[in-house]
């Protein structure tokens, strides 16, 4: 009997949440549009953020995606990627977390954001709005956060995209709260 390690370095993006699994990028777009369509007069925050956890033999990355209707609920999902080694460099982990968030964000940068805006546009004068964020799981206080040395570099990367505003701790809830919750369990390997 040998243990086969199956790592998820997917070519296509598959998402899940507490009620659904195997959501394609098209499914995610549809869920977000449906959520916004239920109340297009509201203010929305669209946040993407990644967190990671080192486990024995691998590092698990989870990218959370949240569409939040301010004061009136949210819809969220996440994507998991597993790297087949224990990443020990704080800079490497933070850079990869930011890259994974940027990768998902690029799938919304043109058409996805446009579709969200089109749903809200008729209601702009009634209070509708949309803000876009990439949440970086890093803090700015050197004593508290080992990541503080690399915050500015990651903020600059996100800012250079030109579409999303970067957020760091304590405001980066997509990464430091939602994604973080799903990194805690190690990946189980199939036995063959």
N, C-alpha and C. Protein backbone atom coordinates (compact mmCIF):
# COMPACT_ATOMS: atom_id res chain seq x y z
N UNK A 1 0.84 -1.17 0.00
CA UNK A 1 0.00 0.00 0.00
C UNK A 1 0.89 1.24 0.00
N UNK A 2 0.65 2.15 -0.91
CA UNK A 2 1.39 3.39 -0.97
C UNK A 2 0.43 4.56 -0.85
N UNK A 3 0.93 5.63 -0.32
CA UNK A 3 0.12 6.84 -0.21
C UNK A 3 0.42 7.72 -1.40
N UNK A 4 -0.62 8.02 -2.14
CA UNK A 4 -0.48 8.88 -3.31
C UNK A 4 -0.86 10.29 -2.92
N UNK A 5 0.03 11.21 -3.14
CA UNK A 5 -0.27 12.61 -2.84
C UNK A 5 -0.84 13.26 -4.09
N UNK A 6 -2.03 13.77 -3.94
CA UNK A 6 -2.69 14.46 -5.05
C UNK A 6 -2.77 15.93 -4.69
N UNK A 7 -2.03 16.71 -5.42
CA UNK A 7 -1.99 18.14 -5.14
C UNK A 7 -2.88 18.87 -6.11
N UNK A 8 -3.56 19.89 -5.62
CA UNK A 8 -4.48 20.63 -6.47
C UNK A 8 -3.81 21.88 -7.02
N UNK A 9 -3.09 21.71 -8.09
CA UNK A 9 -2.57 22.85 -8.83
C UNK A 9 -3.40 22.91 -10.11
N UNK A 10 -4.68 23.27 -9.97
CA UNK A 10 -5.62 23.15 -11.07
C UNK A 10 -5.36 24.13 -12.19
N UNK A 11 -5.68 23.68 -13.40
CA UNK A 11 -5.61 24.57 -14.55
C UNK A 11 -6.89 25.39 -14.65
N UNK A 12 -8.02 24.79 -14.23
CA UNK A 12 -9.26 25.54 -14.19
C UNK A 12 -9.57 25.90 -12.74
N UNK A 13 -10.34 26.94 -12.57
CA UNK A 13 -10.65 27.38 -11.22
C UNK A 13 -11.95 26.73 -10.76
N UNK A 14 -11.86 26.03 -9.64
CA UNK A 14 -13.03 25.39 -9.05
C UNK A 14 -13.20 25.97 -7.64
N UNK A 15 -14.42 26.40 -7.35
CA UNK A 15 -14.73 27.02 -6.07
C UNK A 15 -15.75 26.19 -5.31
N UNK A 16 -15.89 26.50 -4.03
CA UNK A 16 -16.89 25.86 -3.20
C UNK A 16 -17.24 26.80 -2.06
N UNK A 17 -18.34 26.47 -1.38
CA UNK A 17 -18.69 27.15 -0.14
C UNK A 17 -19.41 26.15 0.75
N UNK A 18 -20.08 26.59 1.77
CA UNK A 18 -20.67 25.63 2.71
C UNK A 18 -21.86 24.88 2.12
N UNK A 19 -22.46 25.38 1.07
CA UNK A 19 -23.64 24.72 0.49
C UNK A 19 -23.41 24.14 -0.90
N UNK A 20 -22.36 24.55 -1.57
CA UNK A 20 -22.12 24.11 -2.95
C UNK A 20 -20.66 23.73 -3.14
N UNK A 21 -20.42 22.81 -4.09
CA UNK A 21 -19.05 22.46 -4.44
C UNK A 21 -18.93 22.41 -5.95
N UNK A 22 -17.70 22.35 -6.42
CA UNK A 22 -17.40 22.27 -7.84
C UNK A 22 -18.04 23.39 -8.66
N UNK A 23 -17.94 24.60 -8.12
CA UNK A 23 -18.44 25.77 -8.84
C UNK A 23 -17.39 26.24 -9.84
N UNK A 24 -17.78 26.37 -11.08
CA UNK A 24 -16.88 26.91 -12.10
C UNK A 24 -16.85 28.43 -11.97
N UNK A 25 -15.95 29.06 -12.71
CA UNK A 25 -15.89 30.52 -12.70
C UNK A 25 -17.21 31.10 -13.22
N UNK A 26 -17.82 30.46 -14.22
CA UNK A 26 -19.12 30.91 -14.72
C UNK A 26 -20.19 30.81 -13.64
N UNK A 27 -20.17 29.73 -12.87
CA UNK A 27 -21.12 29.57 -11.77
C UNK A 27 -20.96 30.69 -10.75
N UNK A 28 -19.72 31.02 -10.42
CA UNK A 28 -19.44 32.08 -9.45
C UNK A 28 -19.96 33.41 -9.98
N UNK A 29 -19.69 33.71 -11.25
CA UNK A 29 -20.21 34.95 -11.85
C UNK A 29 -21.74 35.00 -11.73
N UNK A 30 -22.40 33.89 -12.03
CA UNK A 30 -23.87 33.85 -11.97
C UNK A 30 -24.37 34.05 -10.55
N UNK A 31 -23.74 33.42 -9.56
CA UNK A 31 -24.17 33.58 -8.16
C UNK A 31 -24.02 35.03 -7.72
N UNK A 32 -22.93 35.66 -8.10
CA UNK A 32 -22.71 37.06 -7.73
C UNK A 32 -23.75 37.97 -8.38
N UNK A 33 -24.01 37.75 -9.66
CA UNK A 33 -25.01 38.56 -10.36
C UNK A 33 -26.39 38.38 -9.74
N UNK A 34 -26.73 37.14 -9.40
CA UNK A 34 -28.02 36.87 -8.76
C UNK A 34 -28.12 37.59 -7.42
N UNK A 35 -27.02 37.54 -6.64
CA UNK A 35 -27.00 38.19 -5.33
C UNK A 35 -27.19 39.70 -5.47
N UNK A 36 -26.48 40.32 -6.39
CA UNK A 36 -26.62 41.76 -6.61
C UNK A 36 -28.02 42.08 -7.14
N UNK A 37 -28.51 41.25 -8.05
CA UNK A 37 -29.84 41.47 -8.65
C UNK A 37 -30.96 41.46 -7.64
N UNK A 38 -30.77 40.80 -6.49
CA UNK A 38 -31.80 40.77 -5.45
C UNK A 38 -32.01 42.13 -4.78
N UNK A 39 -30.99 42.98 -4.81
CA UNK A 39 -31.09 44.31 -4.20
C UNK A 39 -30.10 45.26 -4.88
N UNK A 40 -30.40 45.69 -6.11
CA UNK A 40 -29.45 46.50 -6.86
C UNK A 40 -29.34 47.95 -6.39
N UNK A 41 -30.07 48.33 -5.38
CA UNK A 41 -29.99 49.70 -4.86
C UNK A 41 -29.00 49.82 -3.70
N UNK A 42 -28.33 48.76 -3.36
CA UNK A 42 -27.44 48.74 -2.19
C UNK A 42 -25.99 49.06 -2.54
N UNK A 43 -25.22 49.22 -1.50
CA UNK A 43 -23.76 49.39 -1.63
C UNK A 43 -23.12 48.02 -1.48
N UNK A 44 -22.15 47.73 -2.36
CA UNK A 44 -21.49 46.43 -2.36
C UNK A 44 -19.98 46.57 -2.26
N UNK A 45 -19.39 45.63 -1.55
CA UNK A 45 -17.93 45.46 -1.52
C UNK A 45 -17.65 44.09 -2.11
N UNK A 46 -16.78 44.05 -3.11
CA UNK A 46 -16.34 42.80 -3.71
C UNK A 46 -14.88 42.62 -3.31
N UNK A 47 -14.61 41.58 -2.51
CA UNK A 47 -13.26 41.39 -1.96
C UNK A 47 -12.73 40.00 -2.29
N UNK A 48 -11.46 39.96 -2.64
CA UNK A 48 -10.76 38.71 -2.93
C UNK A 48 -9.52 38.70 -2.04
N UNK A 49 -9.28 37.59 -1.36
CA UNK A 49 -8.10 37.50 -0.50
C UNK A 49 -7.68 36.07 -0.28
N UNK A 50 -6.38 35.86 -0.10
CA UNK A 50 -5.82 34.52 0.06
C UNK A 50 -5.04 34.43 1.36
N UNK A 51 -5.18 33.29 2.01
CA UNK A 51 -4.38 32.98 3.19
C UNK A 51 -3.79 31.59 2.99
N UNK A 52 -2.77 31.26 3.78
CA UNK A 52 -2.14 29.95 3.65
C UNK A 52 -1.81 29.38 5.02
N UNK A 53 -1.64 28.08 5.04
CA UNK A 53 -1.26 27.38 6.26
C UNK A 53 -0.29 26.27 5.87
N UNK A 54 0.82 26.19 6.59
CA UNK A 54 1.80 25.13 6.34
C UNK A 54 1.38 23.91 7.16
N UNK A 55 1.28 22.78 6.48
CA UNK A 55 0.98 21.50 7.11
C UNK A 55 2.15 20.55 6.82
N UNK A 56 2.15 19.40 7.41
CA UNK A 56 3.23 18.44 7.18
C UNK A 56 3.25 18.02 5.71
N UNK A 57 4.32 18.37 5.01
CA UNK A 57 4.52 17.96 3.63
C UNK A 57 3.88 18.83 2.57
N UNK A 58 3.11 19.83 2.96
CA UNK A 58 2.47 20.69 1.97
C UNK A 58 2.05 22.03 2.59
N UNK A 59 1.74 22.96 1.73
CA UNK A 59 1.20 24.26 2.15
C UNK A 59 -0.12 24.45 1.44
N UNK A 60 -1.14 24.73 2.20
CA UNK A 60 -2.50 24.89 1.68
C UNK A 60 -2.81 26.37 1.54
N UNK A 61 -3.21 26.77 0.34
CA UNK A 61 -3.61 28.15 0.05
C UNK A 61 -5.11 28.16 -0.23
N UNK A 62 -5.81 29.11 0.35
CA UNK A 62 -7.24 29.26 0.12
C UNK A 62 -7.50 30.71 -0.28
N UNK A 63 -8.15 30.88 -1.44
CA UNK A 63 -8.53 32.20 -1.92
C UNK A 63 -10.02 32.38 -1.72
N UNK A 64 -10.37 33.34 -0.89
CA UNK A 64 -11.76 33.65 -0.62
C UNK A 64 -12.25 34.77 -1.51
N UNK A 65 -13.50 34.67 -1.90
CA UNK A 65 -14.13 35.65 -2.77
C UNK A 65 -15.46 36.01 -2.11
N UNK A 66 -15.68 37.28 -1.79
CA UNK A 66 -16.87 37.70 -1.06
C UNK A 66 -17.52 38.88 -1.76
N UNK A 67 -18.82 38.77 -2.01
CA UNK A 67 -19.60 39.92 -2.45
C UNK A 67 -20.47 40.27 -1.24
N UNK A 68 -20.25 41.44 -0.70
CA UNK A 68 -20.90 41.85 0.54
C UNK A 68 -21.85 43.01 0.27
N UNK A 69 -23.10 42.81 0.63
CA UNK A 69 -24.10 43.88 0.58
C UNK A 69 -24.04 44.54 1.95
N UNK A 70 -23.50 45.75 2.01
CA UNK A 70 -23.20 46.37 3.30
C UNK A 70 -24.42 46.42 4.20
N UNK A 71 -24.28 45.80 5.36
CA UNK A 71 -25.34 45.77 6.35
C UNK A 71 -26.47 44.81 6.04
N UNK A 72 -26.37 44.07 4.93
CA UNK A 72 -27.49 43.22 4.51
C UNK A 72 -27.04 41.86 4.01
N UNK A 73 -25.91 41.34 4.48
CA UNK A 73 -25.51 39.99 4.12
C UNK A 73 -24.41 39.92 3.07
N UNK A 74 -24.07 38.68 2.72
CA UNK A 74 -22.99 38.44 1.77
C UNK A 74 -23.15 37.08 1.13
N UNK A 75 -22.47 36.89 0.02
CA UNK A 75 -22.32 35.58 -0.60
C UNK A 75 -20.82 35.37 -0.78
N UNK A 76 -20.35 34.17 -0.48
CA UNK A 76 -18.91 33.92 -0.53
C UNK A 76 -18.62 32.51 -1.03
N UNK A 77 -17.43 32.35 -1.56
CA UNK A 77 -16.93 31.03 -1.95
C UNK A 77 -15.41 31.07 -1.86
N UNK A 78 -14.80 29.90 -2.00
CA UNK A 78 -13.34 29.86 -1.94
C UNK A 78 -12.78 28.80 -2.87
N UNK A 79 -11.52 28.98 -3.17
CA UNK A 79 -10.75 28.06 -4.01
C UNK A 79 -9.54 27.60 -3.22
N UNK A 80 -9.20 26.32 -3.35
CA UNK A 80 -8.06 25.76 -2.63
C UNK A 80 -6.96 25.37 -3.62
N UNK A 81 -5.73 25.71 -3.27
CA UNK A 81 -4.56 25.29 -4.04
C UNK A 81 -3.55 24.73 -3.04
N UNK A 82 -2.95 23.61 -3.37
CA UNK A 82 -1.98 22.98 -2.47
C UNK A 82 -0.62 22.93 -3.16
N UNK A 83 0.38 23.40 -2.46
CA UNK A 83 1.76 23.34 -2.94
C UNK A 83 2.43 22.17 -2.22
N UNK A 84 3.08 21.28 -2.97
CA UNK A 84 3.60 20.03 -2.37
C UNK A 84 4.89 20.18 -1.56
N UNK A 85 4.99 21.26 -0.82
CA UNK A 85 6.13 21.42 0.08
C UNK A 85 5.77 22.40 1.18
N UNK A 86 6.52 22.36 2.24
CA UNK A 86 6.29 23.26 3.36
C UNK A 86 7.01 24.57 3.09
N UNK A 87 6.26 25.60 2.79
CA UNK A 87 6.87 26.91 2.53
C UNK A 87 7.21 27.58 3.85
N UNK A 88 8.45 27.92 4.04
CA UNK A 88 8.87 28.52 5.30
C UNK A 88 9.20 30.01 5.17
N UNK A 89 9.41 30.48 3.98
CA UNK A 89 9.72 31.89 3.76
C UNK A 89 8.44 32.72 3.83
N UNK A 90 8.40 33.67 4.74
CA UNK A 90 7.24 34.55 4.89
C UNK A 90 7.01 35.33 3.60
N UNK A 91 8.10 35.82 3.00
CA UNK A 91 7.96 36.59 1.77
C UNK A 91 7.40 35.72 0.64
N UNK A 92 7.89 34.50 0.51
CA UNK A 92 7.41 33.61 -0.55
C UNK A 92 5.92 33.30 -0.36
N UNK A 93 5.52 33.01 0.87
CA UNK A 93 4.11 32.72 1.14
C UNK A 93 3.24 33.94 0.82
N UNK A 94 3.64 35.12 1.27
CA UNK A 94 2.86 36.33 1.04
C UNK A 94 2.79 36.67 -0.45
N UNK A 95 3.90 36.48 -1.16
CA UNK A 95 3.92 36.75 -2.60
C UNK A 95 2.99 35.79 -3.35
N UNK A 96 3.01 34.52 -2.95
CA UNK A 96 2.14 33.54 -3.60
C UNK A 96 0.68 33.80 -3.25
N UNK A 97 0.40 34.16 -2.01
CA UNK A 97 -0.97 34.53 -1.62
C UNK A 97 -1.47 35.69 -2.48
N UNK A 98 -0.65 36.70 -2.63
CA UNK A 98 -1.05 37.87 -3.44
C UNK A 98 -1.24 37.47 -4.89
N UNK A 99 -0.35 36.64 -5.43
CA UNK A 99 -0.47 36.18 -6.82
C UNK A 99 -1.77 35.40 -7.05
N UNK A 100 -2.12 34.54 -6.12
CA UNK A 100 -3.36 33.76 -6.26
C UNK A 100 -4.59 34.66 -6.21
N UNK A 101 -4.56 35.68 -5.37
CA UNK A 101 -5.66 36.65 -5.33
C UNK A 101 -5.73 37.42 -6.64
N UNK A 102 -4.58 37.85 -7.14
CA UNK A 102 -4.55 38.59 -8.40
C UNK A 102 -5.04 37.72 -9.57
N UNK A 103 -4.71 36.43 -9.54
CA UNK A 103 -5.15 35.53 -10.60
C UNK A 103 -6.68 35.46 -10.64
N UNK A 104 -7.31 35.30 -9.50
CA UNK A 104 -8.77 35.26 -9.45
C UNK A 104 -9.33 36.63 -9.85
N UNK A 105 -8.73 37.69 -9.36
CA UNK A 105 -9.20 39.04 -9.67
C UNK A 105 -9.16 39.32 -11.17
N UNK A 106 -8.18 38.79 -11.86
CA UNK A 106 -8.08 39.00 -13.32
C UNK A 106 -9.26 38.41 -14.06
N UNK A 107 -9.87 37.37 -13.50
CA UNK A 107 -11.04 36.76 -14.13
C UNK A 107 -12.29 37.63 -13.99
N UNK A 108 -12.20 38.67 -13.17
CA UNK A 108 -13.32 39.59 -13.00
C UNK A 108 -13.02 40.97 -13.56
N UNK A 109 -11.76 41.25 -13.81
CA UNK A 109 -11.33 42.61 -14.14
C UNK A 109 -12.08 43.23 -15.31
N UNK A 110 -12.40 42.48 -16.30
CA UNK A 110 -13.08 43.06 -17.45
C UNK A 110 -14.58 42.78 -17.40
N UNK A 111 -14.96 41.63 -17.86
CA UNK A 111 -16.36 41.29 -18.04
C UNK A 111 -17.12 41.14 -16.72
N UNK A 112 -16.53 40.50 -15.74
CA UNK A 112 -17.21 40.27 -14.46
C UNK A 112 -17.56 41.54 -13.74
N UNK A 113 -16.60 42.46 -13.63
CA UNK A 113 -16.85 43.74 -12.99
C UNK A 113 -17.86 44.54 -13.81
N UNK A 114 -17.73 44.49 -15.11
CA UNK A 114 -18.66 45.21 -15.99
C UNK A 114 -20.09 44.74 -15.76
N UNK A 115 -20.29 43.42 -15.66
CA UNK A 115 -21.64 42.89 -15.44
C UNK A 115 -22.18 43.31 -14.08
N UNK A 116 -21.33 43.34 -13.05
CA UNK A 116 -21.78 43.81 -11.74
C UNK A 116 -22.19 45.28 -11.81
N UNK A 117 -21.37 46.08 -12.47
CA UNK A 117 -21.66 47.51 -12.59
C UNK A 117 -22.94 47.76 -13.38
N UNK A 118 -23.16 46.96 -14.43
CA UNK A 118 -24.37 47.13 -15.24
C UNK A 118 -25.64 46.90 -14.43
N UNK A 119 -25.59 45.96 -13.48
CA UNK A 119 -26.74 45.72 -12.61
C UNK A 119 -27.01 46.89 -11.68
N UNK A 120 -25.96 47.57 -11.27
CA UNK A 120 -26.08 48.67 -10.30
C UNK A 120 -26.28 50.04 -10.95
N UNK A 121 -25.81 50.20 -12.16
CA UNK A 121 -25.83 51.51 -12.83
C UNK A 121 -27.18 52.22 -12.82
N UNK A 122 -28.29 51.54 -13.11
CA UNK A 122 -29.58 52.25 -13.10
C UNK A 122 -29.98 52.79 -11.72
N UNK A 123 -29.29 52.34 -10.67
CA UNK A 123 -29.67 52.72 -9.30
C UNK A 123 -28.61 53.56 -8.59
N UNK A 124 -27.66 54.09 -9.34
CA UNK A 124 -26.58 54.88 -8.75
C UNK A 124 -27.12 56.07 -7.98
N UNK A 125 -28.13 56.74 -8.50
CA UNK A 125 -28.67 57.91 -7.82
C UNK A 125 -29.60 57.54 -6.67
N UNK A 126 -29.80 56.25 -6.47
CA UNK A 126 -30.59 55.76 -5.34
C UNK A 126 -29.69 55.09 -4.30
N UNK A 127 -28.38 55.25 -4.46
CA UNK A 127 -27.44 54.76 -3.46
C UNK A 127 -26.60 53.55 -3.85
N UNK A 128 -26.83 52.98 -5.01
CA UNK A 128 -26.06 51.80 -5.42
C UNK A 128 -24.59 52.14 -5.64
N UNK A 129 -23.72 51.25 -5.20
CA UNK A 129 -22.29 51.44 -5.45
C UNK A 129 -21.57 50.10 -5.37
N UNK A 130 -20.37 50.08 -5.93
CA UNK A 130 -19.54 48.88 -5.93
C UNK A 130 -18.09 49.29 -5.71
N UNK A 131 -17.48 48.71 -4.69
CA UNK A 131 -16.05 48.90 -4.45
C UNK A 131 -15.36 47.55 -4.56
N UNK A 132 -14.17 47.55 -5.15
CA UNK A 132 -13.42 46.31 -5.42
C UNK A 132 -12.13 46.30 -4.61
N UNK A 133 -11.86 45.17 -3.96
CA UNK A 133 -10.69 45.07 -3.09
C UNK A 133 -9.95 43.75 -3.31
N UNK A 134 -8.64 43.81 -3.15
CA UNK A 134 -7.84 42.61 -2.95
C UNK A 134 -7.28 42.74 -1.55
N UNK A 135 -7.64 41.77 -0.72
CA UNK A 135 -7.21 41.77 0.67
C UNK A 135 -5.89 41.02 0.80
N UNK A 136 -4.92 41.68 1.39
CA UNK A 136 -3.59 41.12 1.59
C UNK A 136 -3.48 40.70 3.05
N UNK A 137 -3.13 39.46 3.28
CA UNK A 137 -3.06 38.94 4.65
C UNK A 137 -1.75 39.34 5.30
N UNK A 138 -1.60 40.63 5.50
CA UNK A 138 -0.38 41.17 6.08
C UNK A 138 -0.73 42.39 6.91
N UNK A 139 0.06 42.61 7.93
CA UNK A 139 -0.14 43.76 8.79
C UNK A 139 1.01 44.73 8.67
N UNK A 140 0.79 45.94 9.12
CA UNK A 140 1.80 46.99 8.97
C UNK A 140 2.63 47.22 10.23
N UNK A 141 2.28 46.56 11.33
CA UNK A 141 3.01 46.78 12.59
C UNK A 141 4.14 45.76 12.72
N UNK A 142 5.39 46.20 12.66
CA UNK A 142 6.54 45.29 12.69
C UNK A 142 6.62 44.40 13.92
N UNK A 143 6.18 44.88 15.06
CA UNK A 143 6.28 44.10 16.29
C UNK A 143 5.29 42.93 16.27
N UNK A 144 4.12 43.16 15.67
CA UNK A 144 3.04 42.17 15.66
C UNK A 144 3.11 41.25 14.45
N UNK A 145 3.46 41.81 13.29
CA UNK A 145 3.39 41.07 12.03
C UNK A 145 4.74 40.89 11.36
N UNK A 146 5.13 39.62 11.14
CA UNK A 146 6.37 39.33 10.40
C UNK A 146 6.24 39.78 8.95
N UNK A 147 5.02 39.91 8.47
CA UNK A 147 4.77 40.27 7.07
C UNK A 147 4.94 41.76 6.79
N UNK A 148 5.10 42.57 7.83
CA UNK A 148 5.12 44.02 7.66
C UNK A 148 6.24 44.50 6.73
N UNK A 149 7.33 43.75 6.66
CA UNK A 149 8.45 44.13 5.78
C UNK A 149 8.07 44.10 4.31
N UNK A 150 7.04 43.31 3.97
CA UNK A 150 6.69 43.09 2.57
C UNK A 150 5.35 43.70 2.17
N UNK A 151 4.71 44.37 3.11
CA UNK A 151 3.38 44.93 2.85
C UNK A 151 3.41 45.90 1.68
N UNK A 152 4.33 46.83 1.68
CA UNK A 152 4.33 47.86 0.64
C UNK A 152 4.52 47.26 -0.75
N UNK A 153 5.37 46.26 -0.86
CA UNK A 153 5.58 45.58 -2.14
C UNK A 153 4.27 44.95 -2.65
N UNK A 154 3.53 44.29 -1.77
CA UNK A 154 2.28 43.64 -2.16
C UNK A 154 1.20 44.68 -2.48
N UNK A 155 1.15 45.75 -1.70
CA UNK A 155 0.20 46.84 -1.95
C UNK A 155 0.48 47.46 -3.32
N UNK A 156 1.75 47.66 -3.63
CA UNK A 156 2.12 48.23 -4.94
C UNK A 156 1.71 47.30 -6.08
N UNK A 157 1.88 46.00 -5.90
CA UNK A 157 1.48 45.04 -6.93
C UNK A 157 -0.02 45.13 -7.21
N UNK A 158 -0.82 45.16 -6.15
CA UNK A 158 -2.27 45.23 -6.31
C UNK A 158 -2.67 46.57 -6.92
N UNK A 159 -2.09 47.64 -6.45
CA UNK A 159 -2.39 48.97 -6.99
C UNK A 159 -2.06 49.06 -8.46
N UNK A 160 -1.00 48.40 -8.88
CA UNK A 160 -0.58 48.43 -10.29
C UNK A 160 -1.61 47.78 -11.21
N UNK A 161 -2.47 46.92 -10.66
CA UNK A 161 -3.51 46.31 -11.48
C UNK A 161 -4.50 47.38 -11.96
N UNK A 162 -4.69 48.43 -11.16
CA UNK A 162 -5.51 49.55 -11.58
C UNK A 162 -7.01 49.38 -11.40
N UNK A 163 -7.47 48.25 -10.91
CA UNK A 163 -8.91 48.00 -10.77
C UNK A 163 -9.29 47.84 -9.30
N UNK A 164 -8.46 47.16 -8.54
CA UNK A 164 -8.76 46.81 -7.17
C UNK A 164 -7.96 47.66 -6.19
N UNK A 165 -8.60 48.01 -5.09
CA UNK A 165 -7.90 48.72 -4.02
C UNK A 165 -7.32 47.67 -3.06
N UNK A 166 -6.06 47.82 -2.67
CA UNK A 166 -5.48 46.87 -1.71
C UNK A 166 -5.93 47.19 -0.28
N UNK A 167 -6.15 46.15 0.49
CA UNK A 167 -6.44 46.32 1.93
C UNK A 167 -5.55 45.37 2.71
N UNK A 168 -5.09 45.84 3.88
CA UNK A 168 -4.25 45.03 4.77
C UNK A 168 -4.95 44.92 6.13
N UNK A 169 -4.37 44.10 7.02
CA UNK A 169 -4.95 43.94 8.35
C UNK A 169 -5.05 45.28 9.06
N UNK A 170 -6.08 45.54 9.76
CA UNK A 170 -7.17 44.65 10.17
C UNK A 170 -8.36 44.64 9.20
N UNK A 171 -8.28 45.32 8.07
CA UNK A 171 -9.41 45.45 7.15
C UNK A 171 -9.52 44.31 6.13
N UNK A 172 -8.53 43.45 6.05
CA UNK A 172 -8.47 42.43 5.00
C UNK A 172 -9.23 41.16 5.37
N UNK A 173 -10.54 41.31 5.61
CA UNK A 173 -11.33 40.18 6.12
C UNK A 173 -11.46 39.01 5.16
N UNK A 174 -11.39 39.24 3.84
CA UNK A 174 -11.50 38.12 2.90
C UNK A 174 -10.32 37.16 3.07
N UNK A 175 -9.15 37.70 3.38
CA UNK A 175 -7.96 36.87 3.58
C UNK A 175 -7.82 36.44 5.03
N UNK A 176 -7.83 37.40 5.95
CA UNK A 176 -7.48 37.09 7.33
C UNK A 176 -8.61 36.49 8.15
N UNK A 177 -9.84 36.50 7.65
CA UNK A 177 -10.95 35.86 8.37
C UNK A 177 -11.53 34.71 7.54
N UNK A 178 -12.10 35.03 6.38
CA UNK A 178 -12.81 34.01 5.60
C UNK A 178 -11.86 32.94 5.05
N UNK A 179 -10.84 33.33 4.30
CA UNK A 179 -9.90 32.34 3.74
C UNK A 179 -9.16 31.61 4.85
N UNK A 180 -8.76 32.34 5.87
CA UNK A 180 -8.02 31.75 6.99
C UNK A 180 -8.77 30.58 7.61
N UNK A 181 -10.07 30.71 7.75
CA UNK A 181 -10.90 29.66 8.35
C UNK A 181 -10.78 28.34 7.58
N UNK A 182 -10.58 28.42 6.27
CA UNK A 182 -10.56 27.20 5.44
C UNK A 182 -9.16 26.63 5.21
N UNK A 183 -8.14 27.26 5.79
CA UNK A 183 -6.77 26.74 5.63
C UNK A 183 -6.37 25.77 6.73
N UNK A 184 -7.13 25.69 7.78
CA UNK A 184 -6.71 24.99 9.00
C UNK A 184 -6.60 23.48 8.87
N UNK A 185 -7.47 22.87 8.09
CA UNK A 185 -7.43 21.41 7.95
C UNK A 185 -6.40 21.01 6.91
N UNK A 186 -5.53 20.06 7.24
CA UNK A 186 -4.58 19.57 6.23
C UNK A 186 -5.33 18.80 5.14
N UNK A 187 -4.70 18.69 4.01
CA UNK A 187 -5.28 17.94 2.89
C UNK A 187 -5.13 16.46 3.17
N UNK A 188 -6.16 15.70 2.92
CA UNK A 188 -6.08 14.25 3.09
C UNK A 188 -5.66 13.63 1.78
N UNK A 189 -4.77 12.69 1.87
CA UNK A 189 -4.23 12.05 0.67
C UNK A 189 -4.93 10.73 0.42
N UNK A 190 -5.10 10.41 -0.84
CA UNK A 190 -5.73 9.12 -1.22
C UNK A 190 -4.73 7.99 -0.99
N UNK A 191 -5.22 6.86 -0.51
CA UNK A 191 -4.37 5.69 -0.31
C UNK A 191 -4.66 4.71 -1.44
N UNK A 192 -3.61 4.32 -2.16
CA UNK A 192 -3.82 3.38 -3.28
C UNK A 192 -2.96 2.15 -3.13
